[in-house]
Amino acid sequence: MTEYVKTYHCPTCDGLASGRGHLCHPRTEAMPFTCEFCDKTIDDARHVCGAMLDKIEYICKKCGRLAIYDTMLCEPVPVDAD
């Protein structure tokens, strides 16, 4: 069975975002959710746990937030980019 991820247009960048939104502009309607890294039920869309810290690869050019996946940010660039 195929599982579809609900998407919506981000009001910050007008791009498609997951049901929880981009970290730059998260959606509170999708709370709580289960963190895929620590398995805890979380009420904060911008949750960061210890298991995530070593995996962070992107920073948003617009707001400076860090993320593991580029799809979680409005304007992602690799952290190690100059």
Protein backbone atom coordinates (compact mmCIF):
# COMPACT_ATOMS: atom_id res chain seq x y z
CA MET A 1 0.00 0.00 0.00
CA THR A 2 1.34 3.44 -0.93
CA GLU A 3 1.34 6.06 1.82
CA TYR A 4 0.98 9.64 0.67
CA VAL A 5 2.43 12.60 2.54
CA LYS A 6 0.00 15.48 2.89
CA THR A 7 1.47 18.69 1.49
CA TYR A 8 0.56 22.37 1.49
CA HIS A 9 1.98 25.63 0.15
CA CYS A 10 4.37 27.31 2.59
CA PRO A 11 3.34 30.94 3.23
CA THR A 12 7.01 31.94 3.55
CA CYS A 13 8.36 30.64 0.23
CA ASP A 14 5.18 29.41 -1.55
CA GLY A 15 6.90 26.04 -2.11
CA LEU A 16 5.35 22.69 -1.28
CA ALA A 17 5.99 21.56 2.28
CA SER A 18 5.17 18.41 4.22
CA GLY A 19 2.12 18.22 6.45
CA ARG A 20 4.23 19.60 9.32
CA GLY A 21 5.49 22.44 7.10
CA HIS A 22 8.96 23.88 6.80
CA LEU A 23 10.90 24.57 10.00
CA CYS A 24 10.90 28.21 8.85
CA HIS A 25 7.10 28.22 9.07
CA PRO A 26 5.82 25.11 10.88
CA ARG A 27 2.18 24.11 11.06
CA THR A 28 0.82 23.62 14.55
CA GLU A 29 -2.22 21.70 13.30
CA ALA A 30 0.01 18.66 12.74
CA MET A 31 1.09 18.50 16.39
CA PRO A 32 1.88 16.33 18.22
CA PHE A 33 4.11 14.08 16.11
CA THR A 34 6.55 11.24 16.84
CA CYS A 35 10.22 12.12 16.33
CA GLU A 36 11.81 9.63 13.93
CA PHE A 37 15.12 9.87 15.81
CA CYS A 38 14.20 9.65 19.52
CA ASP A 39 10.67 8.13 19.20
CA LYS A 40 9.20 10.67 21.65
CA THR A 41 5.85 12.35 21.09
CA ILE A 42 6.63 16.02 20.47
CA ASP A 43 4.51 19.20 20.62
CA ASP A 44 7.21 21.47 19.13
CA ALA A 45 7.61 21.49 15.33
CA ARG A 46 11.17 22.79 15.74
CA HIS A 47 12.19 19.92 18.04
CA VAL A 48 15.89 18.98 18.03
CA CYS A 49 17.17 15.99 19.99
CA GLY A 50 20.68 14.68 20.57
CA ALA A 51 20.26 11.97 17.93
CA MET A 52 19.61 14.66 15.30
CA LEU A 53 22.61 16.90 16.00
CA ASP A 54 25.22 14.81 14.16
CA LYS A 55 22.92 14.51 11.13
CA ILE A 56 22.25 18.23 10.52
CA GLU A 57 23.32 19.08 6.97
CA TYR A 58 21.38 22.20 5.90
CA ILE A 59 20.84 25.78 6.98
CA CYS A 60 18.10 28.08 5.67
CA LYS A 61 19.43 31.19 3.89
CA LYS A 62 16.24 33.00 4.86
CA CYS A 63 15.92 32.35 8.62
CA GLY A 64 19.10 30.52 9.68
CA ARG A 65 17.34 27.41 11.01
CA LEU A 66 19.21 24.10 10.80
CA ALA A 67 17.76 20.86 9.41
CA ILE A 68 18.67 17.31 8.48
CA TYR A 69 16.73 17.30 5.19
CA ASP A 70 16.69 20.11 2.62
CA THR A 71 12.93 19.67 2.22
CA MET A 72 12.44 20.96 5.77
CA LEU A 73 13.61 24.50 4.90
CA CYS A 74 12.46 27.29 2.58
CA GLU A 75 15.92 28.16 1.19
CA PRO A 76 18.28 25.31 2.14
CA VAL A 77 22.03 25.38 1.57
CA PRO A 78 24.55 22.80 2.82
CA VAL A 79 26.05 23.76 6.19
CA ASP A 80 29.57 23.37 4.83
CA ALA A 81 28.92 25.66 1.82
CA ASP A 82 31.02 28.84 1.78
